[in-house]
Every structure is written in C-alpha cells, then in structure tokens.
Full PDB file with SEQRES, HELIX, SHEET, SSBOND, CRYST1, ORIGX, SCALE, CONECT and MASTER records, all heavy atoms in Angstrom:
SEQRES   1 A   29  ARG HIS LEU ASP PHE LEU LEU LEU ALA ALA VAL ALA ALA          
SEQRES   2 A   29  LEU VAL SER TYR GLY LEU LEU VAL LEU SER ALA VAL THR          
SEQRES   3 A   29  ARG ASP ASP                                                  
HELIX    1 AA1 PHE A    5  VAL A   25  1                                  21    
CRYST1    1.000    1.000    1.000  90.00  90.00  90.00 P 1           1          
ORIGX1      1.000000  0.000000  0.000000        0.00000                         
ORIGX2      0.000000  1.000000  0.000000        0.00000                         
ORIGX3      0.000000  0.000000  1.000000        0.00000                         
SCALE1      1.000000  0.000000  0.000000        0.00000                         
SCALE2      0.000000  1.000000  0.000000        0.00000                         
SCALE3      0.000000  0.000000  1.000000        0.00000                         
ATOM      1  N   ARG A   1     -97.265  85.786 110.674  1.00  0.00           N  
ATOM      2  CA  ARG A   1     -97.538  86.273 109.306  1.00  0.00           C  
ATOM      3  C   ARG A   1     -98.434  87.478 109.309  1.00  0.00           C  
ATOM      4  O   ARG A   1     -98.422  88.328 108.358  1.00  0.00           O  
ATOM      5  CB  ARG A   1     -98.227  85.146 108.499  1.00  0.00           C  
ATOM      6  CG  ARG A   1     -97.313  84.046 108.022  1.00  0.00           C  
ATOM      7  CD  ARG A   1     -97.963  83.207 106.888  1.00  0.00           C  
ATOM      8  NE  ARG A   1     -99.261  82.693 107.323  1.00  0.00           N  
ATOM      9  CZ  ARG A   1     -99.374  81.470 107.940  1.00  0.00           C  
ATOM     10  NH1 ARG A   1     -98.296  80.779 108.228  1.00  0.00           N  
ATOM     11  NH2 ARG A   1    -100.612  81.062 108.264  1.00  0.00           N  
ATOM     12  N   HIS A   2     -99.199  87.659 110.381  1.00  0.00           N  
ATOM     13  CA  HIS A   2    -100.166  88.769 110.431  1.00  0.00           C  
ATOM     14  C   HIS A   2     -99.614  89.981 111.163  1.00  0.00           C  
ATOM     15  O   HIS A   2    -100.364  90.920 111.409  1.00  0.00           O  
ATOM     16  CB  HIS A   2    -101.492  88.291 111.085  1.00  0.00           C  
ATOM     17  CG  HIS A   2    -102.271  87.371 110.177  1.00  0.00           C  
ATOM     18  ND1 HIS A   2    -102.341  86.021 110.339  1.00  0.00           N  
ATOM     19  CD2 HIS A   2    -103.004  87.599 109.080  1.00  0.00           C  
ATOM     20  CE1 HIS A   2    -103.096  85.448 109.482  1.00  0.00           C  
ATOM     21  NE2 HIS A   2    -103.535  86.425 108.676  1.00  0.00           N  
ATOM     22  N   LEU A   3     -98.378  89.981 111.524  1.00  0.00           N  
ATOM     23  CA  LEU A   3     -97.771  91.171 112.107  1.00  0.00           C  
ATOM     24  C   LEU A   3     -97.682  92.292 111.045  1.00  0.00           C  
ATOM     25  O   LEU A   3     -97.579  91.979 109.848  1.00  0.00           O  
ATOM     26  CB  LEU A   3     -96.331  90.842 112.632  1.00  0.00           C  
ATOM     27  CG  LEU A   3     -96.270  89.988 113.915  1.00  0.00           C  
ATOM     28  CD1 LEU A   3     -94.824  89.583 114.158  1.00  0.00           C  
ATOM     29  CD2 LEU A   3     -96.820  90.695 115.105  1.00  0.00           C  
ATOM     30  N   ASP A   4     -97.682  93.506 111.532  1.00  0.00           N  
ATOM     31  CA  ASP A   4     -97.507  94.597 110.589  1.00  0.00           C  
ATOM     32  C   ASP A   4     -96.004  94.925 110.522  1.00  0.00           C  
ATOM     33  O   ASP A   4     -95.440  95.650 111.294  1.00  0.00           O  
ATOM     34  CB  ASP A   4     -98.237  95.849 111.139  1.00  0.00           C  
ATOM     35  CG  ASP A   4     -98.226  97.009 110.144  1.00  0.00           C  
ATOM     36  OD1 ASP A   4     -97.399  96.999 109.284  1.00  0.00           O  
ATOM     37  OD2 ASP A   4     -99.121  97.884 110.276  1.00  0.00           O  
ATOM     38  N   PHE A   5     -95.347  94.272 109.554  1.00  0.00           N  
ATOM     39  CA  PHE A   5     -93.898  94.369 109.449  1.00  0.00           C  
ATOM     40  C   PHE A   5     -93.460  95.737 108.977  1.00  0.00           C  
ATOM     41  O   PHE A   5     -92.344  96.129 109.317  1.00  0.00           O  
ATOM     42  CB  PHE A   5     -93.369  93.286 108.475  1.00  0.00           C  
ATOM     43  CG  PHE A   5     -93.440  91.859 109.038  1.00  0.00           C  
ATOM     44  CD1 PHE A   5     -94.488  91.053 108.637  1.00  0.00           C  
ATOM     45  CD2 PHE A   5     -92.542  91.448 109.971  1.00  0.00           C  
ATOM     46  CE1 PHE A   5     -94.568  89.733 109.141  1.00  0.00           C  
ATOM     47  CE2 PHE A   5     -92.599  90.165 110.508  1.00  0.00           C  
ATOM     48  CZ  PHE A   5     -93.659  89.292 110.066  1.00  0.00           C  
ATOM     49  N   LEU A   6     -94.311  96.448 108.279  1.00  0.00           N  
ATOM     50  CA  LEU A   6     -93.959  97.800 107.891  1.00  0.00           C  
ATOM     51  C   LEU A   6     -93.842  98.720 109.086  1.00  0.00           C  
ATOM     52  O   LEU A   6     -92.975  99.497 109.188  1.00  0.00           O  
ATOM     53  CB  LEU A   6     -94.956  98.309 106.855  1.00  0.00           C  
ATOM     54  CG  LEU A   6     -94.624  99.689 106.205  1.00  0.00           C  
ATOM     55  CD1 LEU A   6     -93.254  99.668 105.580  1.00  0.00           C  
ATOM     56  CD2 LEU A   6     -95.667 100.046 105.181  1.00  0.00           C  
ATOM     57  N   LEU A   7     -94.820  98.543 109.998  1.00  0.00           N  
ATOM     58  CA  LEU A   7     -94.772  99.322 111.249  1.00  0.00           C  
ATOM     59  C   LEU A   7     -93.555  98.986 112.052  1.00  0.00           C  
ATOM     60  O   LEU A   7     -92.835  99.901 112.568  1.00  0.00           O  
ATOM     61  CB  LEU A   7     -96.033  99.051 112.087  1.00  0.00           C  
ATOM     62  CG  LEU A   7     -96.056  99.660 113.498  1.00  0.00           C  
ATOM     63  CD1 LEU A   7     -95.981 101.191 113.383  1.00  0.00           C  
ATOM     64  CD2 LEU A   7     -97.314  99.234 114.251  1.00  0.00           C  
ATOM     65  N   LEU A   8     -93.233  97.717 112.179  1.00  0.00           N  
ATOM     66  CA  LEU A   8     -92.033  97.289 112.962  1.00  0.00           C  
ATOM     67  C   LEU A   8     -90.756  97.824 112.220  1.00  0.00           C  
ATOM     68  O   LEU A   8     -89.810  98.277 112.957  1.00  0.00           O  
ATOM     69  CB  LEU A   8     -91.955  95.744 113.015  1.00  0.00           C  
ATOM     70  CG  LEU A   8     -93.048  95.123 113.861  1.00  0.00           C  
ATOM     71  CD1 LEU A   8     -92.918  93.561 113.789  1.00  0.00           C  
ATOM     72  CD2 LEU A   8     -92.917  95.555 115.297  1.00  0.00           C  
ATOM     73  N   ALA A   9     -90.697  97.812 110.959  1.00  0.00           N  
ATOM     74  CA  ALA A   9     -89.563  98.358 110.248  1.00  0.00           C  
ATOM     75  C   ALA A   9     -89.344  99.823 110.470  1.00  0.00           C  
ATOM     76  O   ALA A   9     -88.239 100.364 110.671  1.00  0.00           O  
ATOM     77  CB  ALA A   9     -89.653  98.052 108.749  1.00  0.00           C  
ATOM     78  N   ALA A  10     -90.466 100.571 110.452  1.00  0.00           N  
ATOM     79  CA  ALA A  10     -90.427 101.999 110.694  1.00  0.00           C  
ATOM     80  C   ALA A  10     -89.953 102.323 112.091  1.00  0.00           C  
ATOM     81  O   ALA A  10     -89.182 103.229 112.308  1.00  0.00           O  
ATOM     82  CB  ALA A  10     -91.808 102.623 110.449  1.00  0.00           C  
ATOM     83  N   VAL A  11     -90.449 101.596 113.096  1.00  0.00           N  
ATOM     84  CA  VAL A  11     -90.003 101.760 114.447  1.00  0.00           C  
ATOM     85  C   VAL A  11     -88.533 101.429 114.622  1.00  0.00           C  
ATOM     86  O   VAL A  11     -87.813 102.140 115.285  1.00  0.00           O  
ATOM     87  CB  VAL A  11     -90.868 100.879 115.411  1.00  0.00           C  
ATOM     88  CG1 VAL A  11     -90.283 100.893 116.857  1.00  0.00           C  
ATOM     89  CG2 VAL A  11     -92.283 101.368 115.412  1.00  0.00           C  
ATOM     90  N   ALA A  12     -88.089 100.331 114.005  1.00  0.00           N  
ATOM     91  CA  ALA A  12     -86.687  99.940 114.132  1.00  0.00           C  
ATOM     92  C   ALA A  12     -85.794 101.005 113.501  1.00  0.00           C  
ATOM     93  O   ALA A  12     -84.762 101.369 114.049  1.00  0.00           O  
ATOM     94  CB  ALA A  12     -86.463  98.586 113.434  1.00  0.00           C  
ATOM     95  N   ALA A  13     -86.239 101.555 112.331  1.00  0.00           N  
ATOM     96  CA  ALA A  13     -85.447 102.589 111.685  1.00  0.00           C  
ATOM     97  C   ALA A  13     -85.393 103.835 112.515  1.00  0.00           C  
ATOM     98  O   ALA A  13     -84.355 104.506 112.640  1.00  0.00           O  
ATOM     99  CB  ALA A  13     -86.024 102.892 110.283  1.00  0.00           C  
ATOM    100  N   LEU A  14     -86.540 104.221 113.101  1.00  0.00           N  
ATOM    101  CA  LEU A  14     -86.570 105.427 113.940  1.00  0.00           C  
ATOM    102  C   LEU A  14     -85.729 105.331 115.177  1.00  0.00           C  
ATOM    103  O   LEU A  14     -85.003 106.225 115.574  1.00  0.00           O  
ATOM    104  CB  LEU A  14     -87.990 105.723 114.313  1.00  0.00           C  
ATOM    105  CG  LEU A  14     -88.302 107.041 115.051  1.00  0.00           C  
ATOM    106  CD1 LEU A  14     -87.854 108.253 114.204  1.00  0.00           C  
ATOM    107  CD2 LEU A  14     -89.765 107.155 115.398  1.00  0.00           C  
ATOM    108  N   VAL A  15     -85.801 104.138 115.844  1.00  0.00           N  
ATOM    109  CA  VAL A  15     -84.977 103.923 117.029  1.00  0.00           C  
ATOM    110  C   VAL A  15     -83.498 103.959 116.711  1.00  0.00           C  
ATOM    111  O   VAL A  15     -82.684 104.577 117.387  1.00  0.00           O  
ATOM    112  CB  VAL A  15     -85.373 102.621 117.717  1.00  0.00           C  
ATOM    113  CG1 VAL A  15     -84.405 102.200 118.777  1.00  0.00           C  
ATOM    114  CG2 VAL A  15     -86.751 102.666 118.281  1.00  0.00           C  
ATOM    115  N   SER A  16     -83.126 103.339 115.589  1.00  0.00           N  
ATOM    116  CA  SER A  16     -81.704 103.337 115.160  1.00  0.00           C  
ATOM    117  C   SER A  16     -81.234 104.740 114.852  1.00  0.00           C  
ATOM    118  O   SER A  16     -80.149 105.138 115.274  1.00  0.00           O  
ATOM    119  CB  SER A  16     -81.558 102.410 113.955  1.00  0.00           C  
ATOM    120  OG  SER A  16     -81.894 101.098 114.215  1.00  0.00           O  
ATOM    121  N   TYR A  17     -82.071 105.506 114.167  1.00  0.00           N  
ATOM    122  CA  TYR A  17     -81.764 106.901 113.834  1.00  0.00           C  
ATOM    123  C   TYR A  17     -81.583 107.681 115.107  1.00  0.00           C  
ATOM    124  O   TYR A  17     -80.718 108.540 115.199  1.00  0.00           O  
ATOM    125  CB  TYR A  17     -82.805 107.416 112.888  1.00  0.00           C  
ATOM    126  CG  TYR A  17     -82.470 108.741 112.197  1.00  0.00           C  
ATOM    127  CD1 TYR A  17     -81.146 109.007 111.854  1.00  0.00           C  
ATOM    128  CD2 TYR A  17     -83.460 109.633 111.928  1.00  0.00           C  
ATOM    129  CE1 TYR A  17     -80.857 110.173 111.219  1.00  0.00           C  
ATOM    130  CE2 TYR A  17     -83.122 110.865 111.269  1.00  0.00           C  
ATOM    131  CZ  TYR A  17     -81.877 111.145 110.937  1.00  0.00           C  
ATOM    132  OH  TYR A  17     -81.542 112.276 110.294  1.00  0.00           O  
ATOM    133  N   GLY A  18     -82.559 107.421 116.056  1.00  0.00           N  
ATOM    134  CA  GLY A  18     -82.507 108.172 117.262  1.00  0.00           C  
ATOM    135  C   GLY A  18     -81.222 107.903 118.076  1.00  0.00           C  
ATOM    136  O   GLY A  18     -80.603 108.830 118.670  1.00  0.00           O  
ATOM    137  N   LEU A  19     -80.798 106.640 118.084  1.00  0.00           N  
ATOM    138  CA  LEU A  19     -79.465 106.299 118.774  1.00  0.00           C  
ATOM    139  C   LEU A  19     -78.373 106.990 118.102  1.00  0.00           C  
ATOM    140  O   LEU A  19     -77.412 107.465 118.783  1.00  0.00           O  
ATOM    141  CB  LEU A  19     -79.320 104.794 118.796  1.00  0.00           C  
ATOM    142  CG  LEU A  19     -80.247 103.959 119.678  1.00  0.00           C  
ATOM    143  CD1 LEU A  19     -80.062 102.501 119.465  1.00  0.00           C  
ATOM    144  CD2 LEU A  19     -79.981 104.346 121.195  1.00  0.00           C  
ATOM    145  N   LEU A  20     -78.387 107.067 116.747  1.00  0.00           N  
ATOM    146  CA  LEU A  20     -77.293 107.713 116.057  1.00  0.00           C  
ATOM    147  C   LEU A  20     -77.268 109.194 116.382  1.00  0.00           C  
ATOM    148  O   LEU A  20     -76.200 109.799 116.633  1.00  0.00           O  
ATOM    149  CB  LEU A  20     -77.532 107.561 114.552  1.00  0.00           C  
ATOM    150  CG  LEU A  20     -76.503 108.182 113.603  1.00  0.00           C  
ATOM    151  CD1 LEU A  20     -75.127 107.518 113.779  1.00  0.00           C  
ATOM    152  CD2 LEU A  20     -76.938 108.048 112.143  1.00  0.00           C  
ATOM    153  N   VAL A  21     -78.436 109.799 116.392  1.00  0.00           N  
ATOM    154  CA  VAL A  21     -78.546 111.221 116.757  1.00  0.00           C  
ATOM    155  C   VAL A  21     -78.105 111.478 118.209  1.00  0.00           C  
ATOM    156  O   VAL A  21     -77.314 112.438 118.468  1.00  0.00           O  
ATOM    157  CB  VAL A  21     -79.951 111.746 116.554  1.00  0.00           C  
ATOM    158  CG1 VAL A  21     -80.145 113.136 117.156  1.00  0.00           C  
ATOM    159  CG2 VAL A  21     -80.330 111.686 115.083  1.00  0.00           C  
ATOM    160  N   LEU A  22     -78.544 110.679 119.111  1.00  0.00           N  
ATOM    161  CA  LEU A  22     -78.162 110.793 120.538  1.00  0.00           C  
ATOM    162  C   LEU A  22     -76.672 110.668 120.744  1.00  0.00           C  
ATOM    163  O   LEU A  22     -76.072 111.399 121.512  1.00  0.00           O  
ATOM    164  CB  LEU A  22     -78.985 109.780 121.375  1.00  0.00           C  
ATOM    165  CG  LEU A  22     -78.893 109.970 122.871  1.00  0.00           C  
ATOM    166  CD1 LEU A  22     -79.542 111.230 123.309  1.00  0.00           C  
ATOM    167  CD2 LEU A  22     -79.544 108.756 123.581  1.00  0.00           C  
ATOM    168  N   SER A  23     -76.063 109.727 120.014  1.00  0.00           N  
ATOM    169  CA  SER A  23     -74.626 109.494 120.159  1.00  0.00           C  
ATOM    170  C   SER A  23     -73.870 110.784 119.713  1.00  0.00           C  
ATOM    171  O   SER A  23     -72.879 111.170 120.381  1.00  0.00           O  
ATOM    172  CB  SER A  23     -74.211 108.366 119.265  1.00  0.00           C  
ATOM    173  OG  SER A  23     -72.804 108.177 119.263  1.00  0.00           O  
ATOM    174  N   ALA A  24     -74.385 111.413 118.687  1.00  0.00           N  
ATOM    175  CA  ALA A  24     -73.696 112.661 118.161  1.00  0.00           C  
ATOM    176  C   ALA A  24     -73.913 113.842 119.075  1.00  0.00           C  
ATOM    177  O   ALA A  24     -72.951 114.632 119.312  1.00  0.00           O  
ATOM    178  CB  ALA A  24     -74.197 112.952 116.734  1.00  0.00           C  
ATOM    179  N   VAL A  25     -75.062 114.006 119.611  1.00  0.00           N  
ATOM    180  CA  VAL A  25     -75.334 115.247 120.373  1.00  0.00           C  
ATOM    181  C   VAL A  25     -74.890 115.135 121.826  1.00  0.00           C  
ATOM    182  O   VAL A  25     -74.809 116.187 122.501  1.00  0.00           O  
ATOM    183  CB  VAL A  25     -76.843 115.607 120.372  1.00  0.00           C  
ATOM    184  CG1 VAL A  25     -77.340 115.713 118.899  1.00  0.00           C  
ATOM    185  CG2 VAL A  25     -77.691 114.598 121.097  1.00  0.00           C  
ATOM    186  N   THR A  26     -74.533 113.978 122.330  1.00  0.00           N  
ATOM    187  CA  THR A  26     -74.171 113.820 123.715  1.00  0.00           C  
ATOM    188  C   THR A  26     -72.652 113.388 123.900  1.00  0.00           C  
ATOM    189  O   THR A  26     -72.241 113.123 124.998  1.00  0.00           O  
ATOM    190  CB  THR A  26     -75.048 112.807 124.447  1.00  0.00           C  
ATOM    191  OG1 THR A  26     -74.903 111.528 123.833  1.00  0.00           O  
ATOM    192  CG2 THR A  26     -76.472 113.225 124.379  1.00  0.00           C  
ATOM    193  N   ARG A  27     -71.951 113.368 122.827  1.00  0.00           N  
ATOM    194  CA  ARG A  27     -70.573 112.811 122.859  1.00  0.00           C  
ATOM    195  C   ARG A  27     -69.658 113.613 123.765  1.00  0.00           C  
ATOM    196  O   ARG A  27     -68.695 113.053 124.313  1.00  0.00           O  
ATOM    197  CB  ARG A  27     -69.986 112.758 121.481  1.00  0.00           C  
ATOM    198  CG  ARG A  27     -69.847 114.116 120.777  1.00  0.00           C  
ATOM    199  CD  ARG A  27     -69.102 113.980 119.458  1.00  0.00           C  
ATOM    200  NE  ARG A  27     -68.789 115.297 118.923  1.00  0.00           N  
ATOM    201  CZ  ARG A  27     -67.860 115.505 117.939  1.00  0.00           C  
ATOM    202  NH1 ARG A  27     -67.277 114.479 117.383  1.00  0.00           N  
ATOM    203  NH2 ARG A  27     -67.638 116.698 117.530  1.00  0.00           N  
ATOM    204  N   ASP A  28     -69.945 114.886 123.958  1.00  0.00           N  
ATOM    205  CA  ASP A  28     -69.124 115.758 124.833  1.00  0.00           C  
ATOM    206  C   ASP A  28     -69.751 116.059 126.191  1.00  0.00           C  
ATOM    207  O   ASP A  28     -69.185 116.856 126.959  1.00  0.00           O  
ATOM    208  CB  ASP A  28     -68.795 117.083 124.121  1.00  0.00           C  
ATOM    209  CG  ASP A  28     -68.011 116.838 122.813  1.00  0.00           C  
ATOM    210  OD1 ASP A  28     -67.144 115.973 122.786  1.00  0.00           O  
ATOM    211  OD2 ASP A  28     -68.300 117.584 121.823  1.00  0.00           O  
ATOM    212  N   ASP A  29     -70.900 115.472 126.420  1.00  0.00           N  
ATOM    213  CA  ASP A  29     -71.636 115.838 127.669  1.00  0.00           C  
ATOM    214  C   ASP A  29     -71.021 115.277 128.944  1.00  0.00           C  
ATOM    215  O   ASP A  29     -71.109 115.849 130.020  1.00  0.00           O  
ATOM    216  CB  ASP A  29     -73.072 115.369 127.555  1.00  0.00           C  
ATOM    217  CG  ASP A  29     -73.904 116.204 126.619  1.00  0.00           C  
ATOM    218  OD1 ASP A  29     -73.362 117.154 125.998  1.00  0.00           O  
ATOM    219  OD2 ASP A  29     -75.121 115.957 126.457  1.00  0.00           O  
TER     220      ASP A  29                                                      
MASTER        0    0    0    1    0    0    0    6  219    1    0    3          
END                                                                             
C-alpha cells in the first residue's frame, strides 16, 4: 500500500514508449 504507484506507472509508461521507439528506429538495422 505504501509503494509510490505513480512513480511505477511513469516508469512503466516510459519503458513501454521506449520499446515502441526502439522498434521503429531499428527495424531496418
């Protein structure tokens, strides 16, 4: 209950966005 869920949500969103970006920029590498 005392976890910072907003911090975890922000990290999860950033990691997911990063994977999406990485998939797009490296698809032809």
